[in-house]
Amino acid sequence: MSACEVFSKGFPGKLAVQMKLHEYQSKDLLAKYGVPVAAGDVTSDPAEVKAIAERLGGNVVVKAQVLMGGRGKAGGVKLFTNSDDASTFAKELIGKRLISIQNPDGMIVEKVLVTETIDIAQEYYLSVLLDRSLQRNVVMISKEGGMEIEEVAEHNPDAIVKLVVDPAWGLSDFEVRGAVKKANIPKEAAGQMVQMIKKLVRVYEENDADMIEINPCALDANGKLIAADAKVSIDDNALFRHPGYNETSSDSADHPIEAEAMRRGIAYVNLGGEIGIMANGAGLTMQSLDEINAAGGRPANFLDVGGGANAERVKTCVELIMMDPNVKGLLINIFGGITKVDEVAKGVLTAFGEMNVTIPVVARIEGTNVEEGRKILEGSQVIPAATVQEAAKMIVELAHA
């Protein structure tokens, strides 16, 4: 994965892991702004599932509250017509690890959302997100809901209407009505869709979101438009303004190592390759990714140790990288300014001593206290390199060998 691909995943600035909300949190947030959602409640107690289902009349959907794609196909979503069966299913589901194609490592189900079933007559797609190429927030509308929007974009791009939000003036009513009409939303849903879009944009802006997706946006048999499913992610850099989500921020990652990195305060993104990367500063880390790609390797991760990192933090970074069983080699790329090279060297050796690291390690180190750092690494398993290009070529060859 190249640098531009990492940025496209939505990690601005410090490239921290995206703060995603669970479905129940997303729906609670939307409901506060008047967006219609299905009635329901969240619980971690199977006995309470029965009580919730009975209160909703027995016809319910039980959904695993895990932040991963493909939870339905993984067996985490099921419809029921009576409360006893719903409770039995929840008992089997809570504590189970769900595994999907999108998340082969799986995630443990700790809570389930129990909601009333919706008699869906038509499914639409609706989202508000940041378009980085336009540097604007964009509303996306499609008459073809319930499908992966990527598939719709590939096979029928005309089915998706994009409405750019002016950062100074916002959206005018005539613009929203025009976009809904262009998307061929039928008359019985069009007026409700206009109002829902205006509410979603307000939710998006007032809560520092970088994505809100409703799929499906369902028109029920009674002609009511409802957010049948909802995904919301908050800009991680603005999380300090939303302390209520701090408890769930660490499990908002799609990958368990990303979740652990969040708990430890490290900017880490799993990229699925075989070459572990540790560098200081987003720019230097991005360069490392590109040099590994150019050398014929695949980066296993993005990891920025940050400025002024001490030996203990460096040790933590090495531990995170080594949690990935796919890592076959480690590239260390440090240019010390605020970060002192000797502190990095101490942290690396401490981690190696405690973890018995056996994979090849190549380091390009320059900057503050570089001579002291090089002396510390002398005689260790760390192979020095003069340039990033040399280091990348060397670690890829050693890892593949």
Foldseek 3Di string as FASTA:
>chain_A
DALVVLVVVPQPDVQAFWQKDWFVVQVVLLVVLPAFAFDWDKDQALVVQLVGCVVLPAFKKKAFGAQWPPCVVQVRIDTTRGSVVSSVSSVVQQQDFGADPRFNVTDHGRMIIIGHDFQFPAWWKWKWAQDVVVRFIKIKTFSDFPDDVVVCCVPPVQRIFIDTADPVPGDDLVSLLVRLVSNVDDPLCSVVSSVSNVSNVVSCVVQQWRMKIQGGQGQGPVSDTHSHTIMIIHNPVCCVVVVVSVVVRLSNHSYNLSSVCVVVVWRKDADQWAEEEEEADSVQQSVLQVLLVVLPGHYGMRTHLYFQHFLQSLLVVVVSSVVDPSHQEYEYEYAHDSHALLRNLNNVVVNCVVPVDDHQYEYEYHYHNVVNNVVSCPPPSYHYDPDSNRRSNVRRVRSVD
